[in-house]
Protein backbone atom coordinates (compact mmCIF):
# COMPACT_ATOMS: atom_id res chain seq x y z
CA MET A 1 -0.01 0.00 0.00
CA LEU A 2 2.89 2.40 0.76
CA ASN A 3 4.14 2.18 -2.83
CA LYS A 4 0.62 2.86 -4.13
CA ILE A 5 0.40 5.92 -1.85
CA LEU A 6 3.81 7.24 -2.97
CA ASN A 7 3.01 6.74 -6.67
CA HIS A 8 -0.29 8.54 -6.27
CA ASN A 9 1.41 11.35 -4.28
CA LYS A 10 3.98 11.92 -7.01
CA LYS A 11 1.18 12.42 -9.59
CA PHE A 12 -0.83 14.51 -7.11
CA VAL A 13 2.09 16.89 -6.43
CA GLU A 14 2.86 17.23 -10.15
CA GLU A 15 -0.77 18.12 -10.89
CA ARG A 16 -0.93 20.65 -8.01
CA LYS A 17 2.28 22.32 -9.19
CA ALA A 18 1.09 22.44 -12.82
CA ALA A 19 -2.19 24.03 -11.69
CA GLY A 20 -0.39 26.52 -9.39
CA LEU A 21 -1.97 25.06 -6.29
CA ASP A 22 1.29 24.52 -4.42
CA LYS A 23 1.54 28.05 -3.07
CA PRO A 24 2.04 28.38 0.71
CA ILE A 25 -1.02 29.07 2.84
CA SER A 26 -1.12 30.02 6.51
CA GLY A 27 -1.10 27.31 9.15
CA HIS A 28 -3.52 29.43 11.17
CA ALA A 29 -7.27 29.14 10.65
CA HIS A 30 -8.69 31.85 8.41
CA GLN A 31 -12.00 31.78 10.27
CA ASN A 32 -10.76 31.77 13.91
CA LEU A 33 -12.61 28.60 14.82
CA MET A 34 -12.00 25.00 15.66
CA VAL A 35 -14.13 21.93 15.01
CA PHE A 36 -13.83 18.87 17.22
CA THR A 37 -15.37 15.87 15.55
CA CYS A 38 -15.13 12.10 15.10
CA MET A 39 -12.56 10.26 13.03
CA ASP A 40 -15.34 8.38 11.18
CA THR A 41 -14.34 8.16 7.50
CA ARG A 42 -17.81 9.25 6.41
CA LEU A 43 -17.01 12.72 7.79
CA VAL A 44 -13.90 13.19 5.57
CA ASP A 45 -14.71 15.82 2.95
CA LEU A 46 -18.14 16.24 4.57
CA VAL A 47 -17.80 18.27 7.75
CA GLU A 48 -15.99 21.30 6.29
CA PRO A 49 -18.11 21.71 3.15
CA ALA A 50 -21.35 21.02 5.08
CA MET A 51 -20.37 23.94 7.37
CA GLY A 52 -19.28 26.19 4.49
CA PHE A 53 -15.50 25.91 4.97
CA LYS A 54 -12.62 25.02 2.70
CA ARG A 55 -8.96 24.02 3.17
CA GLY A 56 -7.20 26.39 5.55
CA ASP A 57 -10.35 27.95 6.96
CA ILE A 58 -10.57 26.07 10.28
CA LYS A 59 -8.66 23.94 12.75
CA ILE A 60 -9.94 20.38 12.97
CA LEU A 61 -9.50 17.95 15.88
CA LYS A 62 -10.61 14.35 15.56
CA ASN A 63 -10.72 11.28 17.73
CA ALA A 64 -12.82 8.13 17.99
CA GLY A 65 -16.31 9.30 18.87
CA ASN A 66 -15.39 12.97 19.42
CA ILE A 67 -15.11 12.09 23.12
CA ILE A 68 -13.35 14.11 25.82
CA ARG A 69 -12.49 11.29 28.22
CA ASP A 70 -12.04 11.96 31.92
CA GLY A 71 -8.37 12.01 32.81
CA CYS A 72 -7.28 12.47 29.19
CA ASP A 73 -6.54 16.13 28.56
CA GLU A 74 -5.27 15.97 24.95
CA ILE A 75 -8.36 17.52 23.36
CA ILE A 76 -8.57 20.28 25.99
CA ARG A 77 -4.83 20.94 25.50
CA CYS A 78 -5.35 21.35 21.74
CA ILE A 79 -8.33 23.67 22.30
CA ALA A 80 -6.25 25.69 24.77
CA VAL A 81 -3.43 25.97 22.23
CA GLY A 82 -5.86 27.09 19.55
CA THR A 83 -7.60 29.66 21.68
CA ALA A 84 -4.64 31.07 23.65
CA LEU A 85 -1.92 30.92 21.00
CA MET A 86 -3.81 31.14 17.71
CA GLY A 87 -6.63 33.49 18.64
CA LEU A 88 -9.46 31.09 17.92
CA SER A 89 -12.72 32.41 19.30
CA GLU A 90 -15.21 29.61 18.61
CA VAL A 91 -15.23 25.85 19.14
CA TYR A 92 -17.76 23.51 17.56
CA VAL A 93 -18.22 20.03 18.96
CA VAL A 94 -19.66 18.12 15.99
CA GLY A 95 -20.93 14.65 16.78
CA HIS A 96 -22.69 12.47 14.28
CA LYS A 97 -25.53 10.03 14.12
CA ASP A 98 -24.79 6.31 13.81
CA CYS A 99 -21.43 6.61 15.58
CA GLY A 100 -19.43 3.38 15.86
CA MET A 101 -18.36 4.23 19.40
CA ALA A 102 -22.00 3.96 20.49
CA LYS A 103 -22.28 0.46 19.02
CA GLN A 104 -19.31 -1.16 20.77
CA THR A 105 -19.52 -3.27 23.90
CA PRO A 106 -16.74 -3.82 26.41
CA GLU A 107 -16.96 -7.56 25.79
CA ALA A 108 -16.57 -7.21 21.98
CA ILE A 109 -13.63 -4.83 22.41
CA LYS A 110 -11.94 -7.15 24.87
CA GLU A 111 -12.37 -10.11 22.48
CA LYS A 112 -10.98 -8.15 19.53
CA MET A 113 -8.02 -6.85 21.56
CA LEU A 114 -7.16 -10.37 22.78
CA GLU A 115 -7.32 -11.62 19.19
CA ARG A 116 -4.83 -8.91 18.20
CA GLY A 117 -2.34 -9.93 20.87
CA ILE A 118 -3.16 -7.48 23.66
CA THR A 119 -2.73 -9.39 26.92
CA GLN A 120 -5.43 -10.09 29.46
CA GLU A 121 -3.23 -8.37 32.05
CA ILE A 122 -3.22 -5.15 30.08
CA LEU A 123 -6.99 -5.29 29.54
CA ASP A 124 -7.55 -5.98 33.23
CA SER A 125 -5.55 -2.84 34.04
CA ILE A 126 -8.07 -0.48 32.39
CA ASP A 127 -11.73 0.37 32.55
CA ILE A 128 -12.55 -0.56 28.97
CA PRO A 129 -15.61 1.71 28.46
CA GLN A 130 -13.79 4.73 29.94
CA TRP A 131 -10.39 4.05 28.27
CA PHE A 132 -11.86 3.45 24.84
CA GLY A 133 -14.44 6.21 25.28
CA LEU A 134 -17.56 4.25 24.65
CA LEU A 135 -20.66 6.37 24.46
CA LYS A 136 -24.31 5.61 25.03
CA ASP A 137 -25.87 8.48 23.13
CA GLU A 138 -24.41 10.71 20.43
CA ARG A 139 -26.44 13.78 21.54
CA GLU A 140 -25.45 13.41 25.20
CA ASN A 141 -21.83 12.97 24.18
CA VAL A 142 -21.88 16.29 22.29
CA LEU A 143 -23.50 18.08 25.21
CA GLU A 144 -20.98 16.55 27.63
CA GLY A 145 -18.10 17.67 25.38
CA VAL A 146 -19.43 21.23 25.29
CA ARG A 147 -19.77 21.22 29.08
CA LYS A 148 -16.20 19.96 29.60
CA ILE A 149 -14.76 22.58 27.27
CA LYS A 150 -16.72 25.41 28.91
CA GLU A 151 -15.74 24.27 32.42
CA SER A 152 -12.08 23.72 31.65
CA PRO A 153 -9.80 26.17 33.49
CA PHE A 154 -7.48 26.12 30.41
CA VAL A 155 -10.05 27.40 27.95
CA PRO A 156 -10.70 31.17 28.09
CA LYS A 157 -14.22 31.99 29.28
CA ASP A 158 -14.89 34.34 26.32
CA ILE A 159 -14.75 31.47 23.82
CA SER A 160 -18.08 30.52 22.24
CA VAL A 161 -18.67 26.73 22.32
CA TYR A 162 -21.43 25.09 20.30
CA GLY A 163 -22.69 21.53 20.04
CA LEU A 164 -23.87 20.16 16.71
CA LEU A 165 -25.05 16.76 15.52
CA MET A 166 -24.50 15.78 11.88
CA ASP A 167 -26.05 13.16 9.66
CA PRO A 168 -23.02 11.29 8.22
CA ASN A 169 -24.80 10.65 4.95
CA SER A 170 -26.56 13.89 4.05
CA GLY A 171 -24.37 16.27 6.03
CA GLU A 172 -27.42 17.86 7.65
CA ILE A 173 -26.55 19.67 10.88
CA GLU A 174 -28.74 19.92 13.96
CA VAL A 175 -27.88 22.53 16.64
CA LEU A 176 -27.94 21.00 20.13
CA CYS A 177 -26.58 23.96 22.09
């Protein structure tokens, strides 16, 4: 697969250069906002256009289930970096319907991990639902994410935080808060 990727990349770069699309753009968001969403592949090339943004307009954070897990500060750290150091003024937590992290069970995860060579001892050392970030309801997960961002002492209080739920097929957005 790596060779396939590299061959495609060579053609991709040549086409971009020929079209004049290889000019530098800023690494800072043009729209002063950040979107935190799920890593679901159905959202690739959907979230930004569905919200009216293009390449370079916004900062994007992704993880499995767009979950801010207790005791795991990586998402809050990234939001703090974006707001304090890059001047971002809005954060959108964008969950989606039919999320795979709402379909998993601790038992199924444990079985799959054991099949992949993760030891029972390692699995016994974690709370599987918490560590993996399993969620029960996509809407509640978005609302919980918004709450955690707003309550974080690392996120400036003047930042606007919104919760949205997206249909991963149509791209339709529902405002939750």
